[in-house]
Amino acid sequence: MGKGTIFDILIMAAILFLIAIGVIISHYVLGQFDGAFSSSTAVSVMNSAEIAIETFNYGFVIIMGGLGIGIILLTTLLPTNPVFIIMGVLLLGIFMLVFPQLSNAYWTFTQDANMAASAAEFPIMNHIMNFLPFYMAVLGCIVLIVYYMKWKA
């Protein structure tokens, strides 16, 4: 696969899904160790780990923004012909069938009785994942515009 293609949006959605699930599982596992250690050093380390995991609430926005900007910037490097915009639109349409499935899978995962408390600690990440199809559609449209409508001097 090349750099900065429409396929990168699908990969980005999968990466965001895996990161979100991993963060919630990590937070849940760390929560299971609360009170398990009695030494002050172990308690300090566990508190630091929990603070580090909770930074992913805002860090998720940075990850999503970085991936999106990277895709847009890499899109400018490829020579294209606007004739193929139909294929790009069709691929984005097909991907729009996958993105709601990822969003629904995330929602189902966070509604589990064990994971609900951990998921509630990440409201920004939950918002992004619940509206993943919208954000990916916007990014896909931007990529298609940049990809096929380059200004030629």
N, C-alpha and C. Protein backbone atom coordinates (compact mmCIF):
# COMPACT_ATOMS: atom_id res chain seq x y z
N MET A 1 0.84 -1.17 0.00
CA MET A 1 0.00 0.00 0.00
C MET A 1 0.89 1.23 0.00
N GLY A 2 0.46 2.24 -0.70
CA GLY A 2 1.22 3.46 -0.82
C GLY A 2 1.04 4.37 0.37
N LYS A 3 1.59 5.54 0.25
CA LYS A 3 1.49 6.50 1.34
C LYS A 3 0.34 7.45 1.08
N GLY A 4 -0.42 7.77 2.10
CA GLY A 4 -1.47 8.76 1.99
C GLY A 4 -2.62 8.38 1.07
N THR A 5 -3.05 7.14 1.08
CA THR A 5 -4.16 6.72 0.25
C THR A 5 -5.44 6.68 1.07
N ILE A 6 -6.54 6.46 0.41
CA ILE A 6 -7.83 6.37 1.08
C ILE A 6 -7.88 5.15 2.00
N PHE A 7 -7.07 4.15 1.73
CA PHE A 7 -7.03 2.96 2.58
C PHE A 7 -6.48 3.28 3.97
N ASP A 8 -5.68 4.32 4.06
CA ASP A 8 -5.11 4.69 5.35
C ASP A 8 -6.18 5.12 6.35
N ILE A 9 -7.32 5.58 5.87
CA ILE A 9 -8.40 5.96 6.76
C ILE A 9 -8.97 4.73 7.45
N LEU A 10 -9.08 3.63 6.72
CA LEU A 10 -9.55 2.38 7.32
C LEU A 10 -8.55 1.88 8.36
N ILE A 11 -7.27 1.97 8.04
CA ILE A 11 -6.24 1.56 8.98
C ILE A 11 -6.27 2.46 10.22
N MET A 12 -6.46 3.75 10.01
CA MET A 12 -6.53 4.68 11.14
C MET A 12 -7.69 4.33 12.06
N ALA A 13 -8.85 4.01 11.51
CA ALA A 13 -10.01 3.65 12.33
C ALA A 13 -9.73 2.39 13.14
N ALA A 14 -9.07 1.42 12.51
CA ALA A 14 -8.73 0.19 13.23
C ALA A 14 -7.73 0.46 14.35
N ILE A 15 -6.76 1.33 14.09
CA ILE A 15 -5.77 1.68 15.11
C ILE A 15 -6.45 2.39 16.28
N LEU A 16 -7.33 3.32 15.99
CA LEU A 16 -8.04 4.03 17.05
C LEU A 16 -8.91 3.08 17.87
N PHE A 17 -9.55 2.15 17.21
CA PHE A 17 -10.36 1.15 17.90
C PHE A 17 -9.51 0.30 18.85
N LEU A 18 -8.38 -0.17 18.35
CA LEU A 18 -7.51 -1.02 19.18
C LEU A 18 -6.91 -0.24 20.35
N ILE A 19 -6.53 1.00 20.12
CA ILE A 19 -5.99 1.82 21.21
C ILE A 19 -7.06 2.05 22.27
N ALA A 20 -8.28 2.39 21.84
CA ALA A 20 -9.35 2.65 22.80
C ALA A 20 -9.66 1.41 23.64
N ILE A 21 -9.75 0.27 23.01
CA ILE A 21 -10.02 -0.97 23.74
C ILE A 21 -8.86 -1.28 24.68
N GLY A 22 -7.64 -1.10 24.21
CA GLY A 22 -6.46 -1.36 25.04
C GLY A 22 -6.39 -0.46 26.25
N VAL A 23 -6.74 0.81 26.08
CA VAL A 23 -6.70 1.76 27.20
C VAL A 23 -7.74 1.38 28.25
N ILE A 24 -8.93 1.02 27.82
CA ILE A 24 -9.97 0.66 28.78
C ILE A 24 -9.60 -0.63 29.51
N ILE A 25 -9.07 -1.60 28.80
CA ILE A 25 -8.65 -2.84 29.46
C ILE A 25 -7.52 -2.56 30.44
N SER A 26 -6.57 -1.73 30.06
CA SER A 26 -5.46 -1.38 30.96
C SER A 26 -5.97 -0.69 32.22
N HIS A 27 -6.91 0.22 32.05
CA HIS A 27 -7.46 0.92 33.21
C HIS A 27 -8.21 -0.06 34.12
N TYR A 28 -8.94 -0.98 33.52
CA TYR A 28 -9.67 -1.98 34.31
C TYR A 28 -8.71 -2.88 35.09
N VAL A 29 -7.66 -3.34 34.43
CA VAL A 29 -6.69 -4.22 35.08
C VAL A 29 -5.99 -3.48 36.22
N LEU A 30 -5.61 -2.23 35.99
CA LEU A 30 -4.99 -1.46 37.07
C LEU A 30 -5.94 -1.27 38.24
N GLY A 31 -7.20 -1.09 37.95
CA GLY A 31 -8.19 -0.94 39.01
C GLY A 31 -8.36 -2.19 39.85
N GLN A 32 -8.06 -3.34 39.27
CA GLN A 32 -8.16 -4.59 40.01
C GLN A 32 -7.07 -4.74 41.06
N PHE A 33 -5.99 -3.97 40.93
CA PHE A 33 -4.89 -4.05 41.88
C PHE A 33 -5.00 -3.04 43.01
N ASP A 34 -6.06 -2.21 43.02
CA ASP A 34 -6.21 -1.24 44.10
C ASP A 34 -6.29 -1.95 45.45
N GLY A 35 -5.45 -1.53 46.36
CA GLY A 35 -5.45 -2.12 47.69
C GLY A 35 -4.70 -3.43 47.80
N ALA A 36 -4.12 -3.91 46.71
CA ALA A 36 -3.42 -5.20 46.74
C ALA A 36 -2.01 -5.05 47.29
N PHE A 37 -1.48 -3.84 47.27
CA PHE A 37 -0.11 -3.61 47.73
C PHE A 37 -0.13 -2.76 48.99
N SER A 38 0.79 -3.05 49.88
CA SER A 38 0.81 -2.30 51.14
C SER A 38 2.01 -1.36 51.24
N SER A 39 3.06 -1.60 50.49
CA SER A 39 4.23 -0.73 50.61
C SER A 39 3.97 0.61 49.92
N SER A 40 4.57 1.64 50.45
CA SER A 40 4.34 2.98 49.90
C SER A 40 4.90 3.11 48.48
N THR A 41 5.97 2.40 48.20
CA THR A 41 6.55 2.46 46.85
C THR A 41 5.60 1.84 45.83
N ALA A 42 5.02 0.70 46.17
CA ALA A 42 4.10 0.04 45.25
C ALA A 42 2.84 0.88 45.04
N VAL A 43 2.35 1.49 46.10
CA VAL A 43 1.16 2.34 45.98
C VAL A 43 1.48 3.56 45.10
N SER A 44 2.67 4.12 45.27
CA SER A 44 3.08 5.26 44.46
C SER A 44 3.18 4.89 42.99
N VAL A 45 3.73 3.72 42.72
CA VAL A 45 3.85 3.26 41.34
C VAL A 45 2.48 3.01 40.73
N MET A 46 1.58 2.43 41.48
CA MET A 46 0.23 2.17 40.96
C MET A 46 -0.52 3.48 40.70
N ASN A 47 -0.35 4.47 41.58
CA ASN A 47 -0.98 5.77 41.35
C ASN A 47 -0.42 6.44 40.11
N SER A 48 0.89 6.34 39.93
CA SER A 48 1.52 6.92 38.74
C SER A 48 1.03 6.22 37.47
N ALA A 49 0.88 4.91 37.54
CA ALA A 49 0.38 4.16 36.38
C ALA A 49 -1.05 4.56 36.04
N GLU A 50 -1.86 4.75 37.05
CA GLU A 50 -3.24 5.14 36.80
C GLU A 50 -3.33 6.54 36.21
N ILE A 51 -2.50 7.44 36.69
CA ILE A 51 -2.45 8.80 36.13
C ILE A 51 -1.99 8.75 34.67
N ALA A 52 -1.00 7.90 34.40
CA ALA A 52 -0.49 7.77 33.03
C ALA A 52 -1.56 7.24 32.09
N ILE A 53 -2.33 6.25 32.52
CA ILE A 53 -3.39 5.69 31.68
C ILE A 53 -4.47 6.74 31.43
N GLU A 54 -4.78 7.53 32.45
CA GLU A 54 -5.85 8.53 32.30
C GLU A 54 -5.46 9.68 31.36
N THR A 55 -4.18 9.83 31.05
CA THR A 55 -3.79 10.86 30.08
C THR A 55 -4.24 10.51 28.66
N PHE A 56 -4.63 9.27 28.45
CA PHE A 56 -5.10 8.88 27.13
C PHE A 56 -6.45 9.50 26.78
N ASN A 57 -7.15 10.06 27.76
CA ASN A 57 -8.40 10.74 27.45
C ASN A 57 -8.14 11.89 26.48
N TYR A 58 -7.16 12.74 26.81
CA TYR A 58 -6.79 13.82 25.90
C TYR A 58 -5.76 13.36 24.87
N GLY A 59 -4.96 12.40 25.24
CA GLY A 59 -3.96 11.87 24.32
C GLY A 59 -4.59 11.22 23.10
N PHE A 60 -5.80 10.70 23.27
CA PHE A 60 -6.51 10.08 22.15
C PHE A 60 -6.81 11.10 21.07
N VAL A 61 -7.12 12.32 21.48
CA VAL A 61 -7.37 13.41 20.52
C VAL A 61 -6.09 13.72 19.75
N ILE A 62 -4.97 13.75 20.47
CA ILE A 62 -3.68 14.02 19.83
C ILE A 62 -3.32 12.91 18.86
N ILE A 63 -3.55 11.66 19.26
CA ILE A 63 -3.27 10.53 18.37
C ILE A 63 -4.13 10.61 17.12
N MET A 64 -5.42 10.87 17.30
CA MET A 64 -6.32 10.96 16.15
C MET A 64 -5.94 12.12 15.24
N GLY A 65 -5.65 13.26 15.84
CA GLY A 65 -5.25 14.42 15.04
C GLY A 65 -3.94 14.19 14.32
N GLY A 66 -2.98 13.58 14.99
CA GLY A 66 -1.69 13.30 14.35
C GLY A 66 -1.82 12.34 13.19
N LEU A 67 -2.61 11.29 13.37
CA LEU A 67 -2.82 10.35 12.27
C LEU A 67 -3.54 11.01 11.11
N GLY A 68 -4.56 11.81 11.41
CA GLY A 68 -5.31 12.48 10.35
C GLY A 68 -4.46 13.47 9.58
N ILE A 69 -3.70 14.29 10.30
CA ILE A 69 -2.82 15.26 9.64
C ILE A 69 -1.75 14.55 8.83
N GLY A 70 -1.23 13.45 9.37
CA GLY A 70 -0.22 12.68 8.64
C GLY A 70 -0.77 12.12 7.34
N ILE A 71 -1.99 11.61 7.38
CA ILE A 71 -2.61 11.09 6.16
C ILE A 71 -2.81 12.21 5.14
N ILE A 72 -3.29 13.35 5.60
CA ILE A 72 -3.52 14.48 4.68
C ILE A 72 -2.21 14.96 4.07
N LEU A 73 -1.17 15.08 4.90
CA LEU A 73 0.13 15.53 4.37
C LEU A 73 0.72 14.52 3.39
N LEU A 74 0.62 13.25 3.71
CA LEU A 74 1.15 12.24 2.79
C LEU A 74 0.35 12.16 1.50
N THR A 75 -0.92 12.53 1.56
CA THR A 75 -1.75 12.55 0.36
C THR A 75 -1.23 13.53 -0.67
N THR A 76 -0.65 14.62 -0.21
CA THR A 76 -0.15 15.63 -1.14
C THR A 76 1.07 15.15 -1.93
N LEU A 77 1.71 14.08 -1.49
CA LEU A 77 2.93 13.61 -2.15
C LEU A 77 2.67 12.70 -3.34
N LEU A 78 1.45 12.22 -3.50
CA LEU A 78 1.16 11.27 -4.57
C LEU A 78 0.62 11.96 -5.82
N PRO A 79 1.16 11.63 -6.96
CA PRO A 79 0.59 12.16 -8.20
C PRO A 79 -0.69 11.38 -8.54
N THR A 80 -1.73 12.09 -8.88
CA THR A 80 -3.01 11.43 -9.16
C THR A 80 -3.65 12.03 -10.39
N ASN A 81 -4.70 11.37 -10.83
CA ASN A 81 -5.51 11.85 -11.93
C ASN A 81 -6.95 11.95 -11.40
N PRO A 82 -7.60 13.09 -11.56
CA PRO A 82 -8.95 13.25 -11.03
C PRO A 82 -9.98 12.28 -11.61
N VAL A 83 -9.64 11.56 -12.64
CA VAL A 83 -10.57 10.59 -13.22
C VAL A 83 -10.91 9.49 -12.21
N PHE A 84 -9.98 9.20 -11.32
CA PHE A 84 -10.16 8.10 -10.38
C PHE A 84 -10.88 8.50 -9.10
N ILE A 85 -11.47 9.68 -9.08
CA ILE A 85 -12.19 10.12 -7.87
C ILE A 85 -13.41 9.23 -7.62
N ILE A 86 -13.98 8.68 -8.68
CA ILE A 86 -15.15 7.81 -8.52
C ILE A 86 -14.77 6.58 -7.70
N MET A 87 -13.60 6.02 -7.97
CA MET A 87 -13.15 4.87 -7.20
C MET A 87 -12.90 5.25 -5.73
N GLY A 88 -12.36 6.44 -5.50
CA GLY A 88 -12.14 6.90 -4.13
C GLY A 88 -13.44 7.08 -3.38
N VAL A 89 -14.44 7.63 -4.03
CA VAL A 89 -15.75 7.83 -3.40
C VAL A 89 -16.40 6.48 -3.11
N LEU A 90 -16.29 5.55 -4.04
CA LEU A 90 -16.84 4.21 -3.81
C LEU A 90 -16.15 3.51 -2.64
N LEU A 91 -14.83 3.61 -2.58
CA LEU A 91 -14.11 3.01 -1.45
C LEU A 91 -14.50 3.65 -0.13
N LEU A 92 -14.63 4.96 -0.12
CA LEU A 92 -15.06 5.63 1.11
C LEU A 92 -16.47 5.18 1.49
N GLY A 93 -17.33 4.99 0.52
CA GLY A 93 -18.67 4.47 0.79
C GLY A 93 -18.64 3.08 1.37
N ILE A 94 -17.77 2.24 0.86
CA ILE A 94 -17.62 0.88 1.41
C ILE A 94 -17.08 0.95 2.82
N PHE A 95 -16.11 1.83 3.04
CA PHE A 95 -15.55 1.98 4.38
C PHE A 95 -16.59 2.51 5.36
N MET A 96 -17.54 3.29 4.87
CA MET A 96 -18.58 3.80 5.74
C MET A 96 -19.52 2.70 6.22
N LEU A 97 -19.40 1.52 5.67
CA LEU A 97 -20.12 0.36 6.20
C LEU A 97 -19.34 -0.30 7.34
N VAL A 98 -18.04 -0.09 7.35
CA VAL A 98 -17.18 -0.70 8.38
C VAL A 98 -17.09 0.17 9.63
N PHE A 99 -17.01 1.48 9.46
CA PHE A 99 -16.83 2.38 10.60
C PHE A 99 -17.95 2.28 11.63
N PRO A 100 -19.22 2.20 11.24
CA PRO A 100 -20.25 2.03 12.27
C PRO A 100 -20.12 0.70 13.02
N GLN A 101 -19.61 -0.31 12.34
CA GLN A 101 -19.42 -1.60 13.02
C GLN A 101 -18.36 -1.48 14.11
N LEU A 102 -17.28 -0.75 13.82
CA LEU A 102 -16.25 -0.53 14.84
C LEU A 102 -16.82 0.29 16.00
N SER A 103 -17.59 1.30 15.69
CA SER A 103 -18.19 2.13 16.72
C SER A 103 -19.16 1.33 17.58
N ASN A 104 -19.97 0.49 16.95
CA ASN A 104 -20.91 -0.34 17.70
C ASN A 104 -20.19 -1.39 18.53
N ALA A 105 -19.12 -1.94 18.01
CA ALA A 105 -18.34 -2.92 18.79
C ALA A 105 -17.73 -2.26 20.02
N TYR A 106 -17.24 -1.04 19.86
CA TYR A 106 -16.70 -0.30 21.00
C TYR A 106 -17.80 -0.01 22.02
N TRP A 107 -18.96 0.43 21.55
CA TRP A 107 -20.06 0.73 22.45
C TRP A 107 -20.50 -0.52 23.21
N THR A 108 -20.61 -1.64 22.52
CA THR A 108 -20.99 -2.89 23.17
C THR A 108 -19.95 -3.30 24.21
N PHE A 109 -18.68 -3.11 23.88
CA PHE A 109 -17.60 -3.43 24.83
C PHE A 109 -17.69 -2.56 26.07
N THR A 110 -17.96 -1.28 25.90
CA THR A 110 -18.00 -0.38 27.05
C THR A 110 -19.27 -0.53 27.87
N GLN A 111 -20.28 -1.18 27.35
CA GLN A 111 -21.52 -1.40 28.11
C GLN A 111 -21.46 -2.64 28.99
N ASP A 112 -20.34 -3.40 28.88
CA ASP A 112 -20.16 -4.55 29.75
C ASP A 112 -20.06 -4.07 31.19
N ALA A 113 -20.65 -4.86 32.09
CA ALA A 113 -20.69 -4.45 33.50
C ALA A 113 -19.29 -4.23 34.07
N ASN A 114 -18.32 -5.02 33.65
CA ASN A 114 -16.96 -4.88 34.17
C ASN A 114 -16.24 -3.67 33.59
N MET A 115 -16.52 -3.32 32.35
CA MET A 115 -15.78 -2.26 31.67
C MET A 115 -16.45 -0.89 31.75
N ALA A 116 -17.69 -0.84 32.18
CA ALA A 116 -18.43 0.43 32.17
C ALA A 116 -17.78 1.48 33.06
N ALA A 117 -17.32 1.09 34.23
CA ALA A 117 -16.70 2.06 35.14
C ALA A 117 -15.39 2.58 34.56
N SER A 118 -14.61 1.70 33.95
CA SER A 118 -13.35 2.14 33.34
C SER A 118 -13.61 3.03 32.13
N ALA A 119 -14.61 2.69 31.34
CA ALA A 119 -14.93 3.48 30.15
C ALA A 119 -15.44 4.87 30.54
N ALA A 120 -16.09 4.99 31.69
CA ALA A 120 -16.61 6.29 32.13
C ALA A 120 -15.50 7.27 32.47
N GLU A 121 -14.30 6.77 32.69
CA GLU A 121 -13.16 7.63 33.00
C GLU A 121 -12.60 8.34 31.77
N PHE A 122 -13.08 7.97 30.57
CA PHE A 122 -12.55 8.51 29.32
C PHE A 122 -13.68 9.10 28.46
N PRO A 123 -14.27 10.22 28.89
CA PRO A 123 -15.42 10.75 28.14
C PRO A 123 -15.06 11.26 26.74
N ILE A 124 -13.89 11.83 26.57
CA ILE A 124 -13.52 12.35 25.25
C ILE A 124 -13.28 11.18 24.28
N MET A 125 -12.59 10.17 24.75
CA MET A 125 -12.34 8.99 23.92
C MET A 125 -13.66 8.30 23.57
N ASN A 126 -14.59 8.23 24.53
CA ASN A 126 -15.90 7.65 24.25
C ASN A 126 -16.65 8.45 23.20
N HIS A 127 -16.57 9.76 23.28
CA HIS A 127 -17.25 10.59 22.29
C HIS A 127 -16.69 10.35 20.89
N ILE A 128 -15.37 10.33 20.79
CA ILE A 128 -14.74 10.10 19.48
C ILE A 128 -15.12 8.74 18.93
N MET A 129 -15.08 7.73 19.76
CA MET A 129 -15.39 6.39 19.27
C MET A 129 -16.87 6.23 18.95
N ASN A 130 -17.74 6.90 19.68
CA ASN A 130 -19.17 6.81 19.38
C ASN A 130 -19.53 7.54 18.09
N PHE A 131 -18.78 8.57 17.75
CA PHE A 131 -19.00 9.32 16.52
C PHE A 131 -17.91 9.04 15.49
N LEU A 132 -17.28 7.88 15.58
CA LEU A 132 -16.20 7.51 14.67
C LEU A 132 -16.62 7.58 13.20
N PRO A 133 -17.80 7.11 12.81
CA PRO A 133 -18.16 7.21 11.38
C PRO A 133 -18.19 8.65 10.88
N PHE A 134 -18.68 9.57 11.70
CA PHE A 134 -18.72 10.97 11.28
C PHE A 134 -17.32 11.53 11.09
N TYR A 135 -16.44 11.30 12.07
CA TYR A 135 -15.08 11.83 11.98
C TYR A 135 -14.31 11.21 10.81
N MET A 136 -14.51 9.93 10.56
CA MET A 136 -13.82 9.29 9.45
C MET A 136 -14.39 9.75 8.11
N ALA A 137 -15.69 10.04 8.05
CA ALA A 137 -16.28 10.56 6.81
C ALA A 137 -15.73 11.94 6.49
N VAL A 138 -15.61 12.78 7.52
CA VAL A 138 -15.04 14.12 7.30
C VAL A 138 -13.59 14.00 6.84
N LEU A 139 -12.81 13.17 7.52
CA LEU A 139 -11.42 12.98 7.12
C LEU A 139 -11.33 12.39 5.71
N GLY A 140 -12.20 11.44 5.40
CA GLY A 140 -12.20 10.85 4.07
C GLY A 140 -12.50 11.87 2.99
N CYS A 141 -13.46 12.75 3.24
CA CYS A 141 -13.77 13.81 2.27
C CYS A 141 -12.60 14.76 2.09
N ILE A 142 -11.96 15.11 3.20
CA ILE A 142 -10.78 15.99 3.10
C ILE A 142 -9.67 15.32 2.30
N VAL A 143 -9.45 14.04 2.56
CA VAL A 143 -8.40 13.31 1.84
C VAL A 143 -8.73 13.25 0.35
N LEU A 144 -9.99 12.98 0.02
CA LEU A 144 -10.37 12.93 -1.39
C LEU A 144 -10.19 14.29 -2.06
N ILE A 145 -10.54 15.35 -1.37
CA ILE A 145 -10.37 16.69 -1.94
C ILE A 145 -8.90 16.98 -2.17
N VAL A 146 -8.08 16.70 -1.16
CA VAL A 146 -6.64 16.97 -1.29
C VAL A 146 -6.02 16.05 -2.33
N TYR A 147 -6.46 14.81 -2.36
CA TYR A 147 -5.88 13.80 -3.24
C TYR A 147 -6.13 14.09 -4.71
N TYR A 148 -7.35 14.51 -5.01
CA TYR A 148 -7.72 14.64 -6.42
C TYR A 148 -7.81 16.08 -6.92
N MET A 149 -7.81 17.04 -6.05
CA MET A 149 -7.97 18.42 -6.50
C MET A 149 -6.72 19.25 -6.23
N LYS A 150 -5.58 18.68 -6.50
CA LYS A 150 -4.33 19.43 -6.29
C LYS A 150 -4.22 20.53 -7.33
N TRP A 151 -3.67 21.63 -6.85
CA TRP A 151 -3.44 22.75 -7.74
C TRP A 151 -2.16 22.51 -8.51
N LYS A 152 -2.25 22.59 -9.81
CA LYS A 152 -1.06 22.39 -10.65
C LYS A 152 -0.61 23.73 -11.20
N ALA A 153 0.65 24.03 -11.00
CA ALA A 153 1.19 25.31 -11.50
C ALA A 153 1.60 25.20 -12.94
